[in-house]
């Protein structure tokens, strides 16, 4: 007996669309509809029929995908009605209006081109490193949504209390049980045991905390993050090695790139300030992944795959390119400036970046390992034709070839 097919509720039928509740008044009665039609160009007949079947006074369409030069579709959609169309200036994103009028917060990284969790974390760690280089202590509070030093505690507690009250009025809840406090003291700071109390809940400082998938520690050496990344990658490689005899070379390579290499590359620009011995566990993971195929160095050459240190430099220089061309986040553009000589020189057209001045007070070693110092230094070492590349994809291709020759040739 043939099985009956389930009705297709996504079929373009006017009866499948639901009208909003009618707005009635003694003197005025208006019937309207709202439809996220997605490409009204291909649904002209349906939309006009829907207006007639439901006897609508107006129909608001979103995601129409009607370009400003398209006059045939609005004329067909009108069908005796007046048609008003406000096309987006560019692209399909819903943030065009916010971008054009500068309504977005400059520190917002979500739903913005050129922004990511990595750029947000890079800005946070750069601020913490700058404070440590200036002999200052820092307090990082990671919120979870579902005497002089006594004054500092009271100020932080008052700030969290205000945040909790604001969230309560906006139907949100601050989960203090999962809120983490990370205290990063300077060497001479007397405040080592920091804890705050908010709504009868004590939030004590911890040695490390996870933020957007990266484990931050109170020394900013990322040992916990590297250890956690290496541990998870070893587990994944162990499972891939067990099923390796049943996989093709292409399938194995795809698994390694998707599950292992992506973890090694995630937010690796934060590790730019670390010495080679610190990132050695990550390099050993990459070597173990390469041994699934053949010897390490020949495979890296054949796959055009960069070592871990080169991949970190690749990410930093990519961010430097977007920052130098003013297409990256605004909070990173504040860290890097183009080099402008005091008088006309040949270097003024070389596309160099300005190195920040060294501080008189504080830790110079911490400053030399910061993103605002490493990115201009590594950028200025690139060949001039590579720095003058016009597009980001072309720059990435040229940069990968340049680093490949430096590290594997």
Protein backbone atom coordinates (compact mmCIF):
# COMPACT_ATOMS: atom_id res chain seq x y z
CA UNK A 1 0.00 0.00 0.00
CA UNK A 2 1.60 3.29 -1.00
CA UNK A 3 2.41 5.64 1.82
CA UNK A 4 0.58 8.94 1.89
CA UNK A 5 2.79 11.95 1.45
CA UNK A 6 2.87 14.55 4.18
CA UNK A 7 1.40 17.88 3.17
CA UNK A 8 3.98 20.46 2.17
CA UNK A 9 3.28 23.39 4.48
CA UNK A 10 6.01 25.48 2.84
CA UNK A 11 4.16 25.49 -0.49
CA UNK A 12 3.49 28.95 -1.91
CA UNK A 13 -0.22 29.06 -1.25
CA UNK A 14 -2.00 32.19 0.02
CA UNK A 15 -3.92 30.08 2.50
CA UNK A 16 -0.68 29.05 4.21
CA UNK A 17 0.14 32.61 5.19
CA UNK A 18 -1.36 33.96 8.38
CA UNK A 19 -2.59 37.50 8.63
CA UNK A 20 -1.77 39.51 11.74
CA UNK A 21 -4.62 40.31 14.11
CA UNK A 22 -6.97 42.89 12.68
CA UNK A 23 -6.69 46.40 14.00
CA UNK A 24 -10.25 47.61 14.41
CA UNK A 25 -11.70 50.88 15.64
CA UNK A 26 -15.09 52.45 15.55
CA UNK A 27 -14.02 54.95 12.91
CA UNK A 28 -11.12 53.11 11.21
CA UNK A 29 -10.43 49.50 10.25
CA UNK A 30 -7.18 48.56 8.51
CA UNK A 31 -6.05 45.10 7.46
CA UNK A 32 -2.33 44.62 6.81
CA UNK A 33 0.15 41.84 6.25
CA UNK A 34 3.86 41.29 6.87
CA UNK A 35 5.77 38.80 4.76
CA UNK A 36 9.47 37.94 4.67
CA UNK A 37 9.19 36.94 1.04
CA UNK A 38 12.90 36.62 0.09
CA UNK A 39 13.20 37.64 -3.58
CA UNK A 40 9.89 39.25 -4.51
CA UNK A 41 11.04 39.27 -8.14
CA UNK A 42 10.10 35.61 -8.49
CA UNK A 43 6.84 35.87 -6.50
CA UNK A 44 4.98 38.74 -8.14
CA UNK A 45 1.87 36.71 -9.02
CA UNK A 46 1.71 35.12 -5.60
CA UNK A 47 2.00 38.39 -3.69
CA UNK A 48 -0.70 40.12 -5.72
CA UNK A 49 -2.99 37.11 -5.29
CA UNK A 50 -2.34 37.13 -1.56
CA UNK A 51 -3.38 40.77 -1.32
CA UNK A 52 -6.65 40.05 -3.14
CA UNK A 53 -7.49 36.84 -1.23
CA UNK A 54 -6.92 38.46 2.18
CA UNK A 55 -8.39 41.83 1.17
CA UNK A 56 -5.38 43.67 2.54
CA UNK A 57 -5.10 47.42 2.68
CA UNK A 58 -1.30 47.19 2.74
CA UNK A 59 1.37 44.51 2.53
CA UNK A 60 4.86 45.04 3.94
CA UNK A 61 7.57 42.94 2.28
CA UNK A 62 11.01 42.33 3.75
CA UNK A 63 14.02 40.75 2.03
CA UNK A 64 12.63 41.71 -1.35
CA UNK A 65 16.04 41.66 -3.08
CA UNK A 66 14.74 44.28 -5.52
CA UNK A 67 17.57 46.38 -6.92
CA UNK A 68 17.08 50.14 -7.44
CA UNK A 69 17.29 49.73 -11.25
CA UNK A 70 14.44 47.19 -11.28
CA UNK A 71 11.25 49.02 -12.28
CA UNK A 72 9.27 46.12 -13.73
CA UNK A 73 8.77 44.29 -10.44
CA UNK A 74 7.43 47.30 -8.47
CA UNK A 75 5.03 48.06 -11.33
CA UNK A 76 3.76 44.47 -11.30
CA UNK A 77 3.50 44.39 -7.53
CA UNK A 78 1.44 47.54 -7.35
CA UNK A 79 -1.62 46.03 -9.12
CA UNK A 80 -3.74 49.06 -8.40
CA UNK A 81 -1.95 49.85 -5.15
CA UNK A 82 0.70 52.44 -4.47
CA UNK A 83 4.17 50.93 -4.10
CA UNK A 84 6.91 52.31 -1.83
CA UNK A 85 10.32 50.68 -1.92
CA UNK A 86 13.38 51.50 0.23
CA UNK A 87 16.28 49.43 -1.13
CA UNK A 88 19.40 48.76 0.85
CA UNK A 89 22.38 50.80 -0.11
CA UNK A 90 24.66 47.78 -0.51
CA UNK A 91 24.81 44.11 0.36
CA UNK A 92 22.17 41.91 1.96
CA UNK A 93 23.03 42.52 5.60
CA UNK A 94 20.51 44.19 7.87
CA UNK A 95 23.14 46.50 9.39
CA UNK A 96 23.51 48.82 6.39
CA UNK A 97 21.50 51.57 8.10
CA UNK A 98 23.56 51.25 11.29
CA UNK A 99 26.85 51.39 9.38
CA UNK A 100 25.85 54.41 7.31
CA UNK A 101 24.79 56.40 10.35
CA UNK A 102 27.54 55.15 12.71
CA UNK A 103 25.01 53.75 15.17
CA UNK A 104 27.02 50.67 16.14
CA UNK A 105 29.26 50.66 19.18
CA UNK A 106 32.91 50.80 18.05
CA UNK A 107 33.74 47.85 20.33
CA UNK A 108 30.99 45.62 18.92
CA UNK A 109 32.45 42.65 17.05
CA UNK A 110 29.35 40.58 16.31
CA UNK A 111 27.68 40.68 12.87
CA UNK A 112 30.32 43.01 11.41
CA UNK A 113 32.62 42.44 8.46
CA UNK A 114 36.26 42.10 9.44
CA UNK A 115 35.37 41.53 13.10
CA UNK A 116 35.54 38.25 14.98
CA UNK A 117 36.00 36.74 18.41
CA UNK A 118 39.73 36.78 17.71
CA UNK A 119 39.84 40.54 17.14
CA UNK A 120 37.76 41.12 20.28
CA UNK A 121 40.05 38.91 22.38
CA UNK A 122 43.10 40.53 20.83
CA UNK A 123 41.90 43.95 21.94
CA UNK A 124 41.25 42.68 25.48
CA UNK A 125 44.63 40.97 25.84
CA UNK A 126 46.39 43.99 24.33
CA UNK A 127 44.81 46.24 26.95
CA UNK A 128 45.84 43.84 29.73
CA UNK A 129 49.39 43.59 28.38
CA UNK A 130 49.64 47.37 28.08
CA UNK A 131 48.53 47.78 31.68
CA UNK A 132 51.12 45.27 32.86
CA UNK A 133 53.83 47.01 30.84
CA UNK A 134 52.86 50.23 32.65
CA UNK A 135 53.25 48.54 36.08
CA UNK A 136 49.48 48.42 36.61
CA UNK A 137 47.24 45.62 37.86
CA UNK A 138 44.06 44.61 36.04
CA UNK A 139 40.76 42.97 36.91
CA UNK A 140 38.84 41.07 34.20
CA UNK A 141 35.25 40.08 34.96
CA UNK A 142 33.60 37.55 32.64
CA UNK A 143 29.84 37.79 33.01
CA UNK A 144 27.50 34.89 32.40
CA UNK A 145 23.93 35.70 31.08
CA UNK A 146 21.04 33.09 31.55
CA UNK A 147 41.31 50.77 52.28
CA UNK A 148 42.35 52.11 48.82
CA UNK A 149 42.01 48.47 47.77
CA UNK A 150 38.78 48.20 49.71
CA UNK A 151 37.55 51.08 47.55
CA UNK A 152 38.48 49.08 44.45
CA UNK A 153 36.43 46.13 45.69
CA UNK A 154 33.45 48.35 46.49
CA UNK A 155 33.63 49.99 43.07
CA UNK A 156 33.65 46.63 41.27
CA UNK A 157 30.80 45.34 43.47
CA UNK A 158 28.77 48.48 42.80
CA UNK A 159 29.38 48.14 39.07
CA UNK A 160 28.20 44.52 39.05
CA UNK A 161 25.17 45.46 41.14
CA UNK A 162 24.19 48.13 38.61
CA UNK A 163 24.62 45.62 35.76
CA UNK A 164 22.48 43.07 37.59
CA UNK A 165 19.72 45.61 38.24
CA UNK A 166 19.78 46.82 34.62
CA UNK A 167 19.52 43.26 33.33
CA UNK A 168 16.64 42.51 35.73
CA UNK A 169 14.67 45.46 34.38
CA UNK A 170 15.27 44.20 30.83
CA UNK A 171 14.09 40.65 31.60
CA UNK A 172 17.60 39.21 31.77
CA UNK A 173 19.37 37.37 34.55
CA UNK A 174 22.98 37.69 35.59
CA UNK A 175 24.18 34.25 36.63
CA UNK A 176 26.64 35.10 39.39
CA UNK A 177 27.41 31.41 40.01
CA UNK A 178 29.05 31.26 36.58
CA UNK A 179 30.55 34.75 36.62
CA UNK A 180 34.34 34.57 36.74
CA UNK A 181 36.81 37.12 38.06
CA UNK A 182 40.39 37.14 36.87
CA UNK A 183 42.88 39.32 38.76
CA UNK A 184 46.14 40.08 36.99
CA UNK A 185 48.42 41.76 39.52
CA UNK A 186 51.64 43.50 38.79
CA UNK A 187 54.74 42.16 40.54
CA UNK A 188 54.58 44.70 43.37
CA UNK A 189 50.80 44.73 43.84
CA UNK A 190 49.80 43.97 47.47
CA UNK A 191 46.29 42.92 46.45
CA UNK A 192 46.62 39.19 45.72
CA UNK A 193 43.41 37.68 47.16
CA UNK A 194 40.55 39.59 45.56
CA UNK A 195 36.89 38.71 46.01
CA UNK A 196 33.70 40.69 45.64
CA UNK A 197 30.17 40.17 46.93
CA UNK A 198 27.10 40.88 44.81
CA UNK A 199 23.56 39.99 45.88
CA UNK A 200 24.89 37.84 48.71
CA UNK A 201 27.01 35.85 46.26
CA UNK A 202 30.79 35.84 46.63
CA UNK A 203 32.78 35.94 43.40
CA UNK A 204 36.39 34.98 44.11
CA UNK A 205 39.33 35.54 41.78
CA UNK A 206 40.59 32.53 39.87
CA UNK A 207 43.93 31.76 38.25
CA UNK A 208 42.40 31.15 34.81
CA UNK A 209 39.09 31.58 33.03
CA UNK A 210 37.68 30.65 29.63
CA UNK A 211 36.54 33.51 27.42
CA UNK A 212 35.15 32.87 23.91
CA UNK A 213 36.95 29.54 23.72
CA UNK A 214 40.33 30.86 24.91
CA UNK A 215 41.69 30.16 28.40
CA UNK A 216 43.10 33.36 29.91
CA UNK A 217 45.39 33.15 32.93
CA UNK A 218 46.57 35.75 35.42
CA UNK A 219 50.09 35.83 33.89
CA UNK A 220 48.99 36.13 30.25
CA UNK A 221 51.38 33.34 29.24
CA UNK A 222 48.54 31.18 27.81
CA UNK A 223 49.99 28.00 29.28
CA UNK A 224 46.57 26.73 30.26
CA UNK A 225 45.17 27.48 26.81
CA UNK A 226 48.05 25.73 25.02
CA UNK A 227 47.77 22.75 27.36
CA UNK A 228 44.00 22.46 26.81
CA UNK A 229 44.35 22.81 23.03
CA UNK A 230 47.10 20.19 22.85
CA UNK A 231 45.12 17.79 25.04
CA UNK A 232 41.97 18.02 22.88
CA UNK A 233 43.99 17.68 19.66
CA UNK A 234 45.80 14.58 20.95
CA UNK A 235 42.47 12.96 21.71
CA UNK A 236 41.18 13.75 18.21
CA UNK A 237 44.36 12.47 16.56
CA UNK A 238 44.12 9.25 18.59
CA UNK A 239 40.62 8.61 17.23
CA UNK A 240 41.61 9.51 13.66
CA UNK A 241 44.63 7.19 13.86
CA UNK A 242 42.37 4.29 14.88
CA UNK A 243 40.23 4.62 11.75
CA UNK A 244 43.08 5.66 9.44
CA UNK A 245 43.28 2.24 7.66
CA UNK A 246 39.66 2.66 6.54
CA UNK A 247 40.06 6.22 5.21
CA UNK A 248 41.45 7.57 1.99
CA UNK A 249 44.23 10.12 2.03
CA UNK A 250 41.85 12.89 1.07
CA UNK A 251 39.35 11.95 3.80
CA UNK A 252 42.11 11.84 6.40
CA UNK A 253 43.44 15.19 5.30
CA UNK A 254 39.94 16.66 5.48
CA UNK A 255 39.44 15.31 9.01
CA UNK A 256 42.77 16.67 10.20
CA UNK A 257 42.17 20.11 8.73
CA UNK A 258 38.62 20.32 10.08
CA UNK A 259 39.15 18.97 13.60
CA UNK A 260 42.82 19.56 14.43
CA UNK A 261 44.25 22.36 12.30
CA UNK A 262 41.23 24.57 12.95
CA UNK A 263 41.89 24.28 16.70
CA UNK A 264 45.53 25.18 16.25
CA UNK A 265 44.59 28.24 14.18
CA UNK A 266 41.79 29.50 16.42
CA UNK A 267 42.82 32.85 17.95
CA UNK A 268 46.48 31.99 17.37
CA UNK A 269 47.34 35.69 17.00
CA UNK A 270 47.11 35.90 20.80
CA UNK A 271 50.19 33.66 20.97
CA UNK A 272 52.40 35.99 18.90
CA UNK A 273 54.21 37.29 21.98
CA UNK A 274 55.23 33.84 23.21
CA UNK A 275 58.68 32.31 22.67
CA UNK A 276 59.20 29.23 20.52
CA UNK A 277 59.46 26.94 23.55
CA UNK A 278 55.96 27.97 24.68
CA UNK A 279 54.26 27.02 21.41
CA UNK A 280 56.30 23.83 21.02
CA UNK A 281 53.38 21.61 22.21
CA UNK A 282 51.26 22.95 19.35
CA UNK A 283 54.04 22.26 16.84
CA UNK A 284 54.31 18.69 18.15
CA UNK A 285 50.59 18.29 17.51
CA UNK A 286 51.02 19.43 13.92
CA UNK A 287 53.95 17.02 13.49
CA UNK A 288 51.85 14.16 14.86
CA UNK A 289 49.08 15.04 12.40
CA UNK A 290 51.57 15.07 9.52
CA UNK A 291 52.87 11.62 10.49
CA UNK A 292 49.45 10.21 9.68
CA UNK A 293 50.49 10.57 6.03
CA UNK A 294 54.29 10.46 5.78
CA UNK A 295 57.34 12.28 7.10
CA UNK A 296 56.70 15.74 8.54
CA UNK A 297 58.75 18.19 6.46
CA UNK A 298 58.07 16.65 2.99
CA UNK A 299 54.36 16.57 3.74
CA UNK A 300 54.29 20.19 4.86
CA UNK A 301 56.02 21.13 1.62
CA UNK A 302 53.68 19.06 -0.53
CA UNK A 303 50.56 20.44 1.17
CA UNK A 304 51.96 23.99 1.21
CA UNK A 305 51.25 23.95 4.96
CA UNK A 306 53.00 26.42 7.23
CA UNK A 307 54.43 25.50 10.64
CA UNK A 308 52.69 26.79 13.76
CA UNK A 309 55.01 29.78 14.26
CA UNK A 310 54.54 30.83 10.63
CA UNK A 311 50.76 30.42 10.91
CA UNK A 312 50.76 32.76 13.90
CA UNK A 313 52.75 35.34 11.96
CA UNK A 314 50.42 34.88 8.99
CA UNK A 315 47.39 35.72 11.16
CA UNK A 316 49.05 38.77 12.74
CA UNK A 317 50.14 40.16 9.38
CA UNK A 318 46.67 39.59 7.93
CA UNK A 319 45.19 41.65 10.77
CA UNK A 320 47.90 44.25 10.18
CA UNK A 321 46.89 44.47 6.51
CA UNK A 322 43.22 45.08 7.32
CA UNK A 323 44.21 47.61 9.97
CA UNK A 324 46.66 49.47 7.72
CA UNK A 325 44.02 49.69 4.98
CA UNK A 326 41.36 50.83 7.48
CA UNK A 327 39.07 47.89 6.85
CA UNK A 328 39.57 46.18 10.20
CA UNK A 329 38.00 46.90 13.58
CA UNK A 330 38.26 50.45 14.86
CA UNK A 331 39.71 49.30 18.18
CA UNK A 332 42.62 47.70 16.31
CA UNK A 333 43.09 50.74 14.11
CA UNK A 334 43.75 52.73 17.28
CA UNK A 335 46.70 50.44 18.04
CA UNK A 336 48.47 50.69 14.66
CA UNK A 337 49.26 53.87 12.73
CA UNK A 338 50.80 54.43 9.32
CA UNK A 339 54.35 55.76 9.26
CA UNK A 340 54.52 59.45 8.33
CA UNK A 341 58.09 60.87 8.29
CA UNK A 342 58.77 64.38 9.51
CA UNK A 343 60.13 65.38 6.09
CA UNK A 344 59.70 63.92 2.58
CA UNK A 345 61.63 60.65 2.33
CA UNK A 346 61.60 57.63 0.04
CA UNK A 347 60.21 55.56 2.89
CA UNK A 348 57.05 57.67 2.96
CA UNK A 349 55.68 55.69 -0.03
CA UNK A 350 56.86 52.27 1.17
CA UNK A 351 53.68 51.53 3.15
CA UNK A 352 55.43 51.21 6.48
CA UNK A 353 53.77 51.21 9.89
CA UNK A 354 54.92 53.36 12.79
CA UNK A 355 56.54 51.61 15.73
CA UNK A 356 55.22 52.78 19.12
CA UNK A 357 57.73 54.61 21.32
CA UNK A 358 59.22 52.64 24.18
CA UNK A 359 58.01 53.61 27.61
CA UNK A 360 60.46 55.07 30.09
CA UNK A 361 58.72 53.45 33.04
CA UNK A 362 57.37 49.93 33.18
CA UNK A 363 58.32 46.67 31.54
CA UNK A 364 59.86 47.11 28.10
CA UNK A 365 59.92 43.38 27.49
CA UNK A 366 56.13 43.21 27.83
CA UNK A 367 55.72 46.11 25.43
CA UNK A 368 58.04 44.55 22.84
CA UNK A 369 55.86 41.41 22.82
CA UNK A 370 52.54 43.27 22.38
CA UNK A 371 50.48 43.28 19.19
CA UNK A 372 50.94 47.04 18.72
CA UNK A 373 54.71 46.47 18.55
CA UNK A 374 55.00 43.08 16.83
CA UNK A 375 52.54 43.82 14.02
CA UNK A 376 54.35 46.96 12.73
CA UNK A 377 57.73 45.27 13.18
CA UNK A 378 56.77 42.19 11.17
CA UNK A 379 54.91 44.31 8.62
CA UNK A 380 57.92 46.52 7.91
CA UNK A 381 60.02 43.40 7.27
CA UNK A 382 57.79 42.36 4.34
CA UNK A 383 58.84 43.19 0.76
CA UNK A 384 57.42 46.45 -0.55
CA UNK A 385 55.44 44.80 -3.41
CA UNK A 386 53.72 42.55 -0.87
CA UNK A 387 52.83 45.47 1.39
CA UNK A 388 51.39 47.31 -1.62
CA UNK A 389 48.97 44.52 -2.58
CA UNK A 390 45.55 45.98 -3.34
CA UNK A 391 43.20 43.19 -2.24
CA UNK A 392 43.15 40.99 0.84
CA UNK A 393 42.92 37.63 -1.03
CA UNK A 394 45.96 38.55 -3.14
CA UNK A 395 47.83 39.64 -0.02
CA UNK A 396 47.05 36.36 1.73
CA UNK A 397 48.30 34.34 -1.25
CA UNK A 398 51.48 36.35 -1.51
CA UNK A 399 52.08 36.28 2.23
CA UNK A 400 51.68 32.51 2.41
CA UNK A 401 54.18 32.05 -0.40
CA UNK A 402 56.60 34.45 1.30
CA UNK A 403 56.39 32.65 4.66
CA UNK A 404 56.60 29.27 2.97
CA UNK A 405 59.93 30.22 1.43
CA UNK A 406 61.23 31.53 4.76
CA UNK A 407 60.29 28.53 6.88
CA UNK A 408 60.33 25.48 4.58
CA UNK A 409 62.78 26.22 1.76
